Amino acid sequence: MGQIALEGMEFFAFHGYYDEEQKIGNKYGVDLYIDTDLHAAGQSDQLRETVNYEVLYRVVAEEMQAPARLLEHLGHRVLDRVLEEFPYVNGVRVSVSKFNPPLGGICHRARVTLERRR
């Protein structure tokens, strides 16, 4: 087993509980961790034997473009898509952060972390 991580992805998107948040948009961060067997790729040095990072990024970017009210919902969508696109992945963990959430005070980011295993 092994882990592939895409950390520090940033997107400008239109998520939020309040209608105004969905109109003005905000900056979001995503960290994605994939648990999978990396043995074959380690032996062969062939991309077809592993999870393509570029495809992983595209999946996250596509989900970030579809508005959601809650970070929890957005995170679940990312988990669903990764498991759907990569049937040989054993587990996925995603953290989704909203920078400077509208809380009426100073808060650098609000974050949810979700994990799912097969």
PDB file of N, CA and C in Angstrom:
ATOM      1  N   MET A   1       0.846  -1.199   0.000  1.00  0.00           N
ATOM      2  CA  MET A   1       0.000   0.000   0.000  1.00  0.00           C
ATOM      3  C   MET A   1       0.877   1.241   0.000  1.00  0.00           C
ATOM      4  N   GLY A   2       0.278   2.320  -0.401  1.00  0.00           N
ATOM      5  CA  GLY A   2       0.964   3.598  -0.396  1.00  0.00           C
ATOM      6  C   GLY A   2      -0.057   4.718  -0.426  1.00  0.00           C
ATOM      7  N   GLN A   3       0.449   5.929  -0.433  1.00  0.00           N
ATOM      8  CA  GLN A   3      -0.437   7.091  -0.442  1.00  0.00           C
ATOM      9  C   GLN A   3       0.037   8.084  -1.484  1.00  0.00           C
ATOM     10  N   ILE A   4      -0.906   8.623  -2.216  1.00  0.00           N
ATOM     11  CA  ILE A   4      -0.667   9.723  -3.141  1.00  0.00           C
ATOM     12  C   ILE A   4      -1.395  10.932  -2.566  1.00  0.00           C
ATOM     13  N   ALA A   5      -0.716  12.069  -2.529  1.00  0.00           N
ATOM     14  CA  ALA A   5      -1.324  13.279  -1.966  1.00  0.00           C
ATOM     15  C   ALA A   5      -1.202  14.433  -2.948  1.00  0.00           C
ATOM     16  N   LEU A   6      -2.278  15.190  -3.067  1.00  0.00           N
ATOM     17  CA  LEU A   6      -2.253  16.482  -3.735  1.00  0.00           C
ATOM     18  C   LEU A   6      -2.615  17.494  -2.656  1.00  0.00           C
ATOM     19  N   GLU A   7      -1.632  18.254  -2.227  1.00  0.00           N
ATOM     20  CA  GLU A   7      -1.832  19.183  -1.115  1.00  0.00           C
ATOM     21  C   GLU A   7      -1.749  20.618  -1.604  1.00  0.00           C
ATOM     22  N   GLY A   8      -2.570  21.453  -1.006  1.00  0.00           N
ATOM     23  CA  GLY A   8      -2.499  22.877  -1.285  1.00  0.00           C
ATOM     24  C   GLY A   8      -3.127  23.314  -2.597  1.00  0.00           C
ATOM     25  N   MET A   9      -4.056  22.517  -3.119  1.00  0.00           N
ATOM     26  CA  MET A   9      -4.771  22.974  -4.321  1.00  0.00           C
ATOM     27  C   MET A   9      -5.626  24.176  -3.931  1.00  0.00           C
ATOM     28  N   GLU A  10      -5.668  25.183  -4.786  1.00  0.00           N
ATOM     29  CA  GLU A  10      -6.463  26.376  -4.501  1.00  0.00           C
ATOM     30  C   GLU A  10      -7.371  26.685  -5.687  1.00  0.00           C
ATOM     31  N   PHE A  11      -8.579  27.106  -5.351  1.00  0.00           N
ATOM     32  CA  PHE A  11      -9.598  27.399  -6.366  1.00  0.00           C
ATOM     33  C   PHE A  11     -10.376  28.629  -5.942  1.00  0.00           C
ATOM     34  N   PHE A  12     -10.809  29.399  -6.908  1.00  0.00           N
ATOM     35  CA  PHE A  12     -11.793  30.439  -6.652  1.00  0.00           C
ATOM     36  C   PHE A  12     -13.113  29.856  -7.109  1.00  0.00           C
ATOM     37  N   ALA A  13     -14.097  29.818  -6.202  1.00  0.00           N
ATOM     38  CA  ALA A  13     -15.365  29.159  -6.522  1.00  0.00           C
ATOM     39  C   ALA A  13     -16.513  29.871  -5.816  1.00  0.00           C
ATOM     40  N   PHE A  14     -17.722  29.408  -6.094  1.00  0.00           N
ATOM     41  CA  PHE A  14     -18.935  30.087  -5.647  1.00  0.00           C
ATOM     42  C   PHE A  14     -19.775  29.181  -4.754  1.00  0.00           C
ATOM     43  N   HIS A  15     -19.191  28.784  -3.639  1.00  0.00           N
ATOM     44  CA  HIS A  15     -19.872  27.956  -2.656  1.00  0.00           C
ATOM     45  C   HIS A  15     -20.274  28.825  -1.470  1.00  0.00           C
ATOM     46  N   GLY A  16     -21.199  28.339  -0.680  1.00  0.00           N
ATOM     47  CA  GLY A  16     -21.552  29.034   0.546  1.00  0.00           C
ATOM     48  C   GLY A  16     -23.011  28.860   0.898  1.00  0.00           C
ATOM     49  N   TYR A  17     -23.273  28.910   2.167  1.00  0.00           N
ATOM     50  CA  TYR A  17     -24.639  28.759   2.664  1.00  0.00           C
ATOM     51  C   TYR A  17     -25.517  29.935   2.247  1.00  0.00           C
ATOM     52  N   TYR A  18     -24.935  31.130   2.283  1.00  0.00           N
ATOM     53  CA  TYR A  18     -25.704  32.333   1.965  1.00  0.00           C
ATOM     54  C   TYR A  18     -25.646  32.629   0.466  1.00  0.00           C
ATOM     55  N   ASP A  19     -26.768  33.112  -0.069  1.00  0.00           N
ATOM     56  CA  ASP A  19     -26.845  33.427  -1.498  1.00  0.00           C
ATOM     57  C   ASP A  19     -25.728  34.389  -1.916  1.00  0.00           C
ATOM     58  N   GLU A  20     -25.428  35.354  -1.058  1.00  0.00           N
ATOM     59  CA  GLU A  20     -24.392  36.332  -1.378  1.00  0.00           C
ATOM     60  C   GLU A  20     -23.039  35.661  -1.610  1.00  0.00           C
ATOM     61  N   GLU A  21     -22.727  34.642  -0.797  1.00  0.00           N
ATOM     62  CA  GLU A  21     -21.459  33.916  -0.965  1.00  0.00           C
ATOM     63  C   GLU A  21     -21.399  33.247  -2.341  1.00  0.00           C
ATOM     64  N   GLN A  22     -22.540  32.755  -2.797  1.00  0.00           N
ATOM     65  CA  GLN A  22     -22.561  32.083  -4.091  1.00  0.00           C
ATOM     66  C   GLN A  22     -22.492  33.065  -5.254  1.00  0.00           C
ATOM     67  N   LYS A  23     -22.729  34.337  -4.982  1.00  0.00           N
ATOM     68  CA  LYS A  23     -22.633  35.363  -6.020  1.00  0.00           C
ATOM     69  C   LYS A  23     -21.234  35.959  -6.104  1.00  0.00           C
ATOM     70  N   ILE A  24     -20.624  36.244  -4.942  1.00  0.00           N
ATOM     71  CA  ILE A  24     -19.326  36.926  -4.959  1.00  0.00           C
ATOM     72  C   ILE A  24     -18.140  35.963  -5.007  1.00  0.00           C
ATOM     73  N   GLY A  25     -18.321  34.735  -4.556  1.00  0.00           N
ATOM     74  CA  GLY A  25     -17.249  33.748  -4.594  1.00  0.00           C
ATOM     75  C   GLY A  25     -16.219  33.948  -3.498  1.00  0.00           C
ATOM     76  N   ASN A  26     -15.311  32.995  -3.417  1.00  0.00           N
ATOM     77  CA  ASN A  26     -14.284  33.014  -2.388  1.00  0.00           C
ATOM     78  C   ASN A  26     -13.167  32.066  -2.809  1.00  0.00           C
ATOM     79  N   LYS A  27     -12.073  32.121  -2.074  1.00  0.00           N
ATOM     80  CA  LYS A  27     -10.952  31.218  -2.307  1.00  0.00           C
ATOM     81  C   LYS A  27     -11.111  29.990  -1.419  1.00  0.00           C
ATOM     82  N   TYR A  28     -10.833  28.820  -1.988  1.00  0.00           N
ATOM     83  CA  TYR A  28     -10.952  27.544  -1.295  1.00  0.00           C
ATOM     84  C   TYR A  28      -9.663  26.755  -1.462  1.00  0.00           C
ATOM     85  N   GLY A  29      -9.393  25.935  -0.490  1.00  0.00           N
ATOM     86  CA  GLY A  29      -8.239  25.045  -0.554  1.00  0.00           C
ATOM     87  C   GLY A  29      -8.693  23.601  -0.419  1.00  0.00           C
ATOM     88  N   VAL A  30      -7.981  22.707  -1.097  1.00  0.00           N
ATOM     89  CA  VAL A  30      -8.304  21.284  -1.038  1.00  0.00           C
ATOM     90  C   VAL A  30      -7.011  20.492  -0.885  1.00  0.00           C
ATOM     91  N   ASP A  31      -7.028  19.553   0.049  1.00  0.00           N
ATOM     92  CA  ASP A  31      -5.958  18.568   0.202  1.00  0.00           C
ATOM     93  C   ASP A  31      -6.592  17.202  -0.004  1.00  0.00           C
ATOM     94  N   LEU A  32      -5.955  16.384  -0.837  1.00  0.00           N
ATOM     95  CA  LEU A  32      -6.521  15.094  -1.200  1.00  0.00           C
ATOM     96  C   LEU A  32      -5.482  14.001  -0.964  1.00  0.00           C
ATOM     97  N   TYR A  33      -5.892  12.924  -0.316  1.00  0.00           N
ATOM     98  CA  TYR A  33      -5.013  11.802  -0.003  1.00  0.00           C
ATOM     99  C   TYR A  33      -5.667  10.519  -0.504  1.00  0.00           C
ATOM    100  N   ILE A  34      -4.939   9.764  -1.295  1.00  0.00           N
ATOM    101  CA  ILE A  34      -5.437   8.535  -1.905  1.00  0.00           C
ATOM    102  C   ILE A  34      -4.612   7.371  -1.390  1.00  0.00           C
ATOM    103  N   ASP A  35      -5.264   6.352  -0.848  1.00  0.00           N
ATOM    104  CA  ASP A  35      -4.585   5.121  -0.433  1.00  0.00           C
ATOM    105  C   ASP A  35      -4.788   4.082  -1.520  1.00  0.00           C
ATOM    106  N   THR A  36      -3.683   3.577  -2.038  1.00  0.00           N
ATOM    107  CA  THR A  36      -3.749   2.597  -3.120  1.00  0.00           C
ATOM    108  C   THR A  36      -2.471   1.774  -3.138  1.00  0.00           C
ATOM    109  N   ASP A  37      -2.468   0.724  -3.901  1.00  0.00           N
ATOM    110  CA  ASP A  37      -1.291  -0.131  -4.041  1.00  0.00           C
ATOM    111  C   ASP A  37      -0.343   0.513  -5.045  1.00  0.00           C
ATOM    112  N   LEU A  38       0.832   0.878  -4.601  1.00  0.00           N
ATOM    113  CA  LEU A  38       1.817   1.536  -5.462  1.00  0.00           C
ATOM    114  C   LEU A  38       2.946   0.593  -5.886  1.00  0.00           C
ATOM    115  N   HIS A  39       2.826  -0.666  -5.520  1.00  0.00           N
ATOM    116  CA  HIS A  39       3.893  -1.628  -5.793  1.00  0.00           C
ATOM    117  C   HIS A  39       4.164  -1.771  -7.293  1.00  0.00           C
ATOM    118  N   ALA A  40       3.115  -1.986  -8.090  1.00  0.00           N
ATOM    119  CA  ALA A  40       3.303  -2.202  -9.532  1.00  0.00           C
ATOM    120  C   ALA A  40       3.958  -0.992 -10.196  1.00  0.00           C
ATOM    121  N   ALA A  41       3.522   0.214  -9.832  1.00  0.00           N
ATOM    122  CA  ALA A  41       4.109   1.427 -10.409  1.00  0.00           C
ATOM    123  C   ALA A  41       5.566   1.578  -9.982  1.00  0.00           C
ATOM    124  N   GLY A  42       5.851   1.211  -8.743  1.00  0.00           N
ATOM    125  CA  GLY A  42       7.226   1.278  -8.264  1.00  0.00           C
ATOM    126  C   GLY A  42       8.144   0.343  -9.022  1.00  0.00           C
ATOM    127  N   GLN A  43       7.625  -0.798  -9.395  1.00  0.00           N
ATOM    128  CA  GLN A  43       8.411  -1.784 -10.145  1.00  0.00           C
ATOM    129  C   GLN A  43       8.534  -1.419 -11.626  1.00  0.00           C
ATOM    130  N   SER A  44       7.433  -0.973 -12.234  1.00  0.00           N
ATOM    131  CA  SER A  44       7.403  -0.794 -13.690  1.00  0.00           C
ATOM    132  C   SER A  44       7.804   0.597 -14.169  1.00  0.00           C
ATOM    133  N   ASP A  45       7.625   1.616 -13.321  1.00  0.00           N
ATOM    134  CA  ASP A  45       7.850   3.002 -13.709  1.00  0.00           C
ATOM    135  C   ASP A  45       6.892   3.433 -14.824  1.00  0.00           C
ATOM    136  N   GLN A  46       5.675   2.869 -14.812  1.00  0.00           N
ATOM    137  CA  GLN A  46       4.674   3.155 -15.836  1.00  0.00           C
ATOM    138  C   GLN A  46       3.470   3.866 -15.221  1.00  0.00           C
ATOM    139  N   LEU A  47       3.052   4.957 -15.838  1.00  0.00           N
ATOM    140  CA  LEU A  47       1.923   5.745 -15.345  1.00  0.00           C
ATOM    141  C   LEU A  47       0.641   4.926 -15.285  1.00  0.00           C
ATOM    142  N   ARG A  48       0.451   4.013 -16.224  1.00  0.00           N
ATOM    143  CA  ARG A  48      -0.777   3.206 -16.254  1.00  0.00           C
ATOM    144  C   ARG A  48      -0.937   2.327 -15.015  1.00  0.00           C
ATOM    145  N   GLU A  49       0.114   2.176 -14.226  1.00  0.00           N
ATOM    146  CA  GLU A  49       0.090   1.323 -13.035  1.00  0.00           C
ATOM    147  C   GLU A  49      -0.269   2.089 -11.758  1.00  0.00           C
ATOM    148  N   THR A  50      -0.574   3.374 -11.897  1.00  0.00           N
ATOM    149  CA  THR A  50      -0.842   4.190 -10.709  1.00  0.00           C
ATOM    150  C   THR A  50      -1.989   5.157 -10.985  1.00  0.00           C
ATOM    151  N   VAL A  51      -2.272   6.020 -10.037  1.00  0.00           N
ATOM    152  CA  VAL A  51      -3.293   7.054 -10.181  1.00  0.00           C
ATOM    153  C   VAL A  51      -2.623   8.287 -10.795  1.00  0.00           C
ATOM    154  N   ASN A  52      -3.171   8.741 -11.893  1.00  0.00           N
ATOM    155  CA  ASN A  52      -2.625   9.889 -12.595  1.00  0.00           C
ATOM    156  C   ASN A  52      -2.981  11.164 -11.825  1.00  0.00           C
ATOM    157  N   TYR A  53      -1.971  11.897 -11.361  1.00  0.00           N
ATOM    158  CA  TYR A  53      -2.195  13.110 -10.569  1.00  0.00           C
ATOM    159  C   TYR A  53      -2.992  14.152 -11.344  1.00  0.00           C
ATOM    160  N   GLU A  54      -2.726  14.228 -12.640  1.00  0.00           N
ATOM    161  CA  GLU A  54      -3.418  15.203 -13.476  1.00  0.00           C
ATOM    162  C   GLU A  54      -4.926  14.911 -13.523  1.00  0.00           C
ATOM    163  N   VAL A  55      -5.286  13.653 -13.607  1.00  0.00           N
ATOM    164  CA  VAL A  55      -6.702  13.267 -13.616  1.00  0.00           C
ATOM    165  C   VAL A  55      -7.325  13.543 -12.249  1.00  0.00           C
ATOM    166  N   LEU A  56      -6.591  13.259 -11.179  1.00  0.00           N
ATOM    167  CA  LEU A  56      -7.090  13.569  -9.830  1.00  0.00           C
ATOM    168  C   LEU A  56      -7.388  15.056  -9.690  1.00  0.00           C
ATOM    169  N   TYR A  57      -6.462  15.874 -10.137  1.00  0.00           N
ATOM    170  CA  TYR A  57      -6.653  17.323 -10.051  1.00  0.00           C
ATOM    171  C   TYR A  57      -7.890  17.749 -10.843  1.00  0.00           C
ATOM    172  N   ARG A  58      -8.049  17.196 -12.045  1.00  0.00           N
ATOM    173  CA  ARG A  58      -9.203  17.539 -12.885  1.00  0.00           C
ATOM    174  C   ARG A  58     -10.514  17.192 -12.192  1.00  0.00           C
ATOM    175  N   VAL A  59     -10.562  16.034 -11.547  1.00  0.00           N
ATOM    176  CA  VAL A  59     -11.775  15.621 -10.821  1.00  0.00           C
ATOM    177  C   VAL A  59     -12.111  16.634  -9.735  1.00  0.00           C
ATOM    178  N   VAL A  60     -11.122  17.027  -8.957  1.00  0.00           N
ATOM    179  CA  VAL A  60     -11.353  18.012  -7.891  1.00  0.00           C
ATOM    180  C   VAL A  60     -11.778  19.348  -8.494  1.00  0.00           C
ATOM    181  N   ALA A  61     -11.092  19.795  -9.527  1.00  0.00           N
ATOM    182  CA  ALA A  61     -11.415  21.083 -10.163  1.00  0.00           C
ATOM    183  C   ALA A  61     -12.851  21.088 -10.690  1.00  0.00           C
ATOM    184  N   GLU A  62     -13.290  19.992 -11.289  1.00  0.00           N
ATOM    185  CA  GLU A  62     -14.656  19.919 -11.792  1.00  0.00           C
ATOM    186  C   GLU A  62     -15.671  20.013 -10.656  1.00  0.00           C
ATOM    187  N   GLU A  63     -15.427  19.342  -9.567  1.00  0.00           N
ATOM    188  CA  GLU A  63     -16.354  19.412  -8.424  1.00  0.00           C
ATOM    189  C   GLU A  63     -16.342  20.794  -7.785  1.00  0.00           C
ATOM    190  N   MET A  64     -15.207  21.459  -7.798  1.00  0.00           N
ATOM    191  CA  MET A  64     -15.127  22.801  -7.218  1.00  0.00           C
ATOM    192  C   MET A  64     -15.906  23.821  -8.044  1.00  0.00           C
ATOM    193  N   GLN A  65     -16.151  23.544  -9.304  1.00  0.00           N
ATOM    194  CA  GLN A  65     -16.882  24.485 -10.158  1.00  0.00           C
ATOM    195  C   GLN A  65     -18.393  24.391  -9.982  1.00  0.00           C
ATOM    196  N   ALA A  66     -18.895  23.302  -9.430  1.00  0.00           N
ATOM    197  CA  ALA A  66     -20.339  23.141  -9.221  1.00  0.00           C
ATOM    198  C   ALA A  66     -20.691  23.659  -7.831  1.00  0.00           C
ATOM    199  N   PRO A  67     -21.485  24.725  -7.717  1.00  0.00           N
ATOM    200  CA  PRO A  67     -21.771  25.334  -6.417  1.00  0.00           C
ATOM    201  C   PRO A  67     -22.375  24.362  -5.405  1.00  0.00           C
ATOM    202  N   ALA A  68     -21.990  24.561  -4.157  1.00  0.00           N
ATOM    203  CA  ALA A  68     -22.524  23.789  -3.029  1.00  0.00           C
ATOM    204  C   ALA A  68     -22.761  24.758  -1.876  1.00  0.00           C
ATOM    205  N   ARG A  69     -23.731  24.472  -1.054  1.00  0.00           N
ATOM    206  CA  ARG A  69     -23.989  25.307   0.123  1.00  0.00           C
ATOM    207  C   ARG A  69     -22.996  24.984   1.244  1.00  0.00           C
ATOM    208  N   LEU A  70     -22.684  23.694   1.402  1.00  0.00           N
ATOM    209  CA  LEU A  70     -21.868  23.256   2.539  1.00  0.00           C
ATOM    210  C   LEU A  70     -20.558  22.624   2.086  1.00  0.00           C
ATOM    211  N   LEU A  71     -19.502  22.879   2.844  1.00  0.00           N
ATOM    212  CA  LEU A  71     -18.221  22.228   2.582  1.00  0.00           C
ATOM    213  C   LEU A  71     -18.352  20.715   2.716  1.00  0.00           C
ATOM    214  N   GLU A  72     -19.206  20.275   3.622  1.00  0.00           N
ATOM    215  CA  GLU A  72     -19.416  18.843   3.830  1.00  0.00           C
ATOM    216  C   GLU A  72     -19.941  18.187   2.546  1.00  0.00           C
ATOM    217  N   HIS A  73     -20.884  18.854   1.896  1.00  0.00           N
ATOM    218  CA  HIS A  73     -21.451  18.329   0.653  1.00  0.00           C
ATOM    219  C   HIS A  73     -20.388  18.279  -0.444  1.00  0.00           C
ATOM    220  N   LEU A  74     -19.624  19.329  -0.535  1.00  0.00           N
ATOM    221  CA  LEU A  74     -18.566  19.414  -1.524  1.00  0.00           C
ATOM    222  C   LEU A  74     -17.541  18.296  -1.314  1.00  0.00           C
ATOM    223  N   GLY A  75     -17.144  18.080  -0.068  1.00  0.00           N
ATOM    224  CA  GLY A  75     -16.198  17.016   0.244  1.00  0.00           C
ATOM    225  C   GLY A  75     -16.732  15.643  -0.124  1.00  0.00           C
ATOM    226  N   HIS A  76     -18.011  15.406   0.159  1.00  0.00           N
ATOM    227  CA  HIS A  76     -18.616  14.116  -0.207  1.00  0.00           C
ATOM    228  C   HIS A  76     -18.649  13.920  -1.718  1.00  0.00           C
ATOM    229  N   ARG A  77     -18.890  14.981  -2.450  1.00  0.00           N
ATOM    230  CA  ARG A  77     -18.876  14.871  -3.910  1.00  0.00           C
ATOM    231  C   ARG A  77     -17.493  14.485  -4.423  1.00  0.00           C
ATOM    232  N   VAL A  78     -16.456  15.075  -3.837  1.00  0.00           N
ATOM    233  CA  VAL A  78     -15.086  14.738  -4.244  1.00  0.00           C
ATOM    234  C   VAL A  78     -14.800  13.268  -3.936  1.00  0.00           C
ATOM    235  N   LEU A  79     -15.155  12.810  -2.731  1.00  0.00           N
ATOM    236  CA  LEU A  79     -14.947  11.399  -2.382  1.00  0.00           C
ATOM    237  C   LEU A  79     -15.655  10.486  -3.381  1.00  0.00           C
ATOM    238  N   ASP A  80     -16.915  10.786  -3.666  1.00  0.00           N
ATOM    239  CA  ASP A  80     -17.691   9.965  -4.600  1.00  0.00           C
ATOM    240  C   ASP A  80     -17.022   9.889  -5.965  1.00  0.00           C
ATOM    241  N   ARG A  81     -16.604  11.031  -6.471  1.00  0.00           N
ATOM    242  CA  ARG A  81     -16.005  11.070  -7.813  1.00  0.00           C
ATOM    243  C   ARG A  81     -14.698  10.302  -7.866  1.00  0.00           C
ATOM    244  N   VAL A  82     -13.846  10.472  -6.860  1.00  0.00           N
ATOM    245  CA  VAL A  82     -12.559   9.771  -6.866  1.00  0.00           C
ATOM    246  C   VAL A  82     -12.782   8.261  -6.842  1.00  0.00           C
ATOM    247  N   LEU A  83     -13.676   7.806  -5.978  1.00  0.00           N
ATOM    248  CA  LEU A  83     -13.936   6.366  -5.897  1.00  0.00           C
ATOM    249  C   LEU A  83     -14.594   5.840  -7.176  1.00  0.00           C
ATOM    250  N   GLU A  84     -15.378   6.675  -7.828  1.00  0.00           N
ATOM    251  CA  GLU A  84     -16.015   6.281  -9.084  1.00  0.00           C
ATOM    252  C   GLU A  84     -14.995   6.191 -10.218  1.00  0.00           C
ATOM    253  N   GLU A  85     -14.119   7.182 -10.306  1.00  0.00           N
ATOM    254  CA  GLU A  85     -13.147   7.254 -11.406  1.00  0.00           C
ATOM    255  C   GLU A  85     -11.992   6.268 -11.252  1.00  0.00           C
ATOM    256  N   PHE A  86     -11.692   5.901 -10.002  1.00  0.00           N
ATOM    257  CA  PHE A  86     -10.551   5.030  -9.725  1.00  0.00           C
ATOM    258  C   PHE A  86     -10.999   3.844  -8.886  1.00  0.00           C
ATOM    259  N   PRO A  87     -11.553   2.807  -9.517  1.00  0.00           N
ATOM    260  CA  PRO A  87     -12.111   1.679  -8.762  1.00  0.00           C
ATOM    261  C   PRO A  87     -11.078   0.879  -7.972  1.00  0.00           C
ATOM    262  N   TYR A  88      -9.806   1.027  -8.274  1.00  0.00           N
ATOM    263  CA  TYR A  88      -8.745   0.292  -7.582  1.00  0.00           C
ATOM    264  C   TYR A  88      -8.184   1.054  -6.380  1.00  0.00           C
ATOM    265  N   VAL A  89      -8.702   2.249  -6.105  1.00  0.00           N
ATOM    266  CA  VAL A  89      -8.291   3.018  -4.931  1.00  0.00           C
ATOM    267  C   VAL A  89      -8.978   2.432  -3.699  1.00  0.00           C
ATOM    268  N   ASN A  90      -8.217   2.244  -2.631  1.00  0.00           N
ATOM    269  CA  ASN A  90      -8.751   1.634  -1.405  1.00  0.00           C
ATOM    270  C   ASN A  90      -9.371   2.635  -0.435  1.00  0.00           C
ATOM    271  N   GLY A  91      -8.886   3.861  -0.445  1.00  0.00           N
ATOM    272  CA  GLY A  91      -9.406   4.863   0.473  1.00  0.00           C
ATOM    273  C   GLY A  91      -9.086   6.261  -0.001  1.00  0.00           C
ATOM    274  N   VAL A  92      -9.907   7.202   0.417  1.00  0.00           N
ATOM    275  CA  VAL A  92      -9.733   8.612   0.045  1.00  0.00           C
ATOM    276  C   VAL A  92     -10.012   9.471   1.268  1.00  0.00           C
ATOM    277  N   ARG A  93      -9.188  10.475   1.460  1.00  0.00           N
ATOM    278  CA  ARG A  93      -9.434  11.501   2.486  1.00  0.00           C
ATOM    279  C   ARG A  93      -9.310  12.852   1.812  1.00  0.00           C
ATOM    280  N   VAL A  94     -10.264  13.728   2.093  1.00  0.00           N
ATOM    281  CA  VAL A  94     -10.236  15.066   1.510  1.00  0.00           C
ATOM    282  C   VAL A  94     -10.497  16.094   2.600  1.00  0.00           C
ATOM    283  N   SER A  95      -9.747  17.182   2.541  1.00  0.00           N
ATOM    284  CA  SER A  95      -9.997  18.352   3.386  1.00  0.00           C
ATOM    285  C   SER A  95     -10.331  19.507   2.463  1.00  0.00           C
ATOM    286  N   VAL A  96     -11.444  20.177   2.754  1.00  0.00           N
ATOM    287  CA  VAL A  96     -11.872  21.338   1.969  1.00  0.00           C
ATOM    288  C   VAL A  96     -11.914  22.528   2.920  1.00  0.00           C
ATOM    289  N   SER A  97     -11.237  23.595   2.527  1.00  0.00           N
ATOM    290  CA  SER A  97     -11.154  24.799   3.360  1.00  0.00           C
ATOM    291  C   SER A  97     -11.737  25.994   2.628  1.00  0.00           C
ATOM    292  N   LYS A  98     -12.421  26.840   3.379  1.00  0.00           N
ATOM    293  CA  LYS A  98     -12.886  28.128   2.867  1.00  0.00           C
ATOM    294  C   LYS A  98     -12.040  29.185   3.561  1.00  0.00           C
ATOM    295  N   PHE A  99     -11.354  30.016   2.767  1.00  0.00           N
ATOM    296  CA  PHE A  99     -10.518  31.059   3.337  1.00  0.00           C
ATOM    297  C   PHE A  99     -11.375  32.250   3.753  1.00  0.00           C
ATOM    298  N   ASN A 100     -11.046  32.825   4.889  1.00  0.00           N
ATOM    299  CA  ASN A 100     -11.740  34.009   5.411  1.00  0.00           C
ATOM    300  C   ASN A 100     -13.260  33.861   5.390  1.00  0.00           C
ATOM    301  N   PRO A 101     -13.785  32.845   6.071  1.00  0.00           N
ATOM    302  CA  PRO A 101     -15.239  32.638   6.068  1.00  0.00           C
ATOM    303  C   PRO A 101     -15.956  33.794   6.762  1.00  0.00           C
ATOM    304  N   PRO A 102     -17.176  34.105   6.342  1.00  0.00           N
ATOM    305  CA  PRO A 102     -17.918  35.241   6.908  1.00  0.00           C
ATOM    306  C   PRO A 102     -18.512  34.900   8.273  1.00  0.00           C
ATOM    307  N   LEU A 103     -17.699  35.008   9.300  1.00  0.00           N
ATOM    308  CA  LEU A 103     -18.122  34.638  10.651  1.00  0.00           C
ATOM    309  C   LEU A 103     -18.299  35.836  11.575  1.00  0.00           C
ATOM    310  N   GLY A 104     -18.020  37.011  11.098  1.00  0.00           N
ATOM    311  CA  GLY A 104     -18.148  38.199  11.931  1.00  0.00           C
ATOM    312  C   GLY A 104     -16.912  38.464  12.772  1.00  0.00           C
ATOM    313  N   GLY A 105     -15.825  37.795  12.478  1.00  0.00           N
ATOM    314  CA  GLY A 105     -14.565  37.976  13.196  1.00  0.00           C
ATOM    315  C   GLY A 105     -13.432  37.390  12.373  1.00  0.00           C
ATOM    316  N   ILE A 106     -12.249  37.385  12.981  1.00  0.00           N
ATOM    317  CA  ILE A 106     -11.074  36.880  12.271  1.00  0.00           C
ATOM    318  C   ILE A 106     -11.041  35.359  12.339  1.00  0.00           C
ATOM    319  N   CYS A 107     -10.985  34.759  11.161  1.00  0.00           N
ATOM    320  CA  CYS A 107     -10.818  33.309  11.033  1.00  0.00           C
ATOM    321  C   CYS A 107     -10.150  33.082   9.683  1.00  0.00           C
ATOM    322  N   HIS A 108      -8.956  32.530   9.692  1.00  0.00           N
ATOM    323  CA  HIS A 108      -8.210  32.342   8.446  1.00  0.00           C
ATOM    324  C   HIS A 108      -8.887  31.368   7.494  1.00  0.00           C
ATOM    325  N   ARG A 109      -9.440  30.285   8.068  1.00  0.00           N
ATOM    326  CA  ARG A 109     -10.127  29.319   7.209  1.00  0.00           C
ATOM    327  C   ARG A 109     -11.030  28.432   8.049  1.00  0.00           C
ATOM    328  N   ALA A 110     -12.092  27.973   7.414  1.00  0.00           N
ATOM    329  CA  ALA A 110     -12.949  26.929   7.971  1.00  0.00           C
ATOM    330  C   ALA A 110     -12.661  25.679   7.153  1.00  0.00           C
ATOM    331  N   ARG A 111     -12.569  24.529   7.816  1.00  0.00           N
ATOM    332  CA  ARG A 111     -12.175  23.308   7.103  1.00  0.00           C
ATOM    333  C   ARG A 111     -13.010  22.129   7.558  1.00  0.00           C
ATOM    334  N   VAL A 112     -13.347  21.270   6.597  1.00  0.00           N
ATOM    335  CA  VAL A 112     -13.929  19.964   6.910  1.00  0.00           C
ATOM    336  C   VAL A 112     -13.016  18.905   6.306  1.00  0.00           C
ATOM    337  N   THR A 113     -12.920  17.780   7.002  1.00  0.00           N
ATOM    338  CA  THR A 113     -12.137  16.653   6.526  1.00  0.00           C
ATOM    339  C   THR A 113     -13.025  15.419   6.545  1.00  0.00           C
ATOM    340  N   LEU A 114     -13.066  14.735   5.415  1.00  0.00           N
ATOM    341  CA  LEU A 114     -13.895  13.537   5.267  1.00  0.00           C
ATOM    342  C   LEU A 114     -13.027  12.405   4.758  1.00  0.00           C
ATOM    343  N   GLU A 115     -13.398  11.198   5.137  1.00  0.00           N
ATOM    344  CA  GLU A 115     -12.631  10.027   4.712  1.00  0.00           C
ATOM    345  C   GLU A 115     -13.585   8.888   4.398  1.00  0.00           C
ATOM    346  N   ARG A 116     -13.223   8.131   3.372  1.00  0.00           N
ATOM    347  CA  ARG A 116     -14.020   6.962   3.034  1.00  0.00           C
ATOM    348  C   ARG A 116     -13.077   5.856   2.564  1.00  0.00           C
ATOM    349  N   ARG A 117     -13.389   4.644   2.994  1.00  0.00           N
ATOM    350  CA  ARG A 117     -12.646   3.455   2.587  1.00  0.00           C
ATOM    351  C   ARG A 117     -13.588   2.488   1.901  1.00  0.00           C
ATOM    352  N   ARG A 118     -13.054   1.702   1.013  1.00  0.00           N
ATOM    353  CA  ARG A 118     -13.855   0.647   0.372  1.00  0.00           C
ATOM    354  C   ARG A 118     -13.999  -0.505   1.323  1.00  0.00           C
TER     355      ARG A 118
END
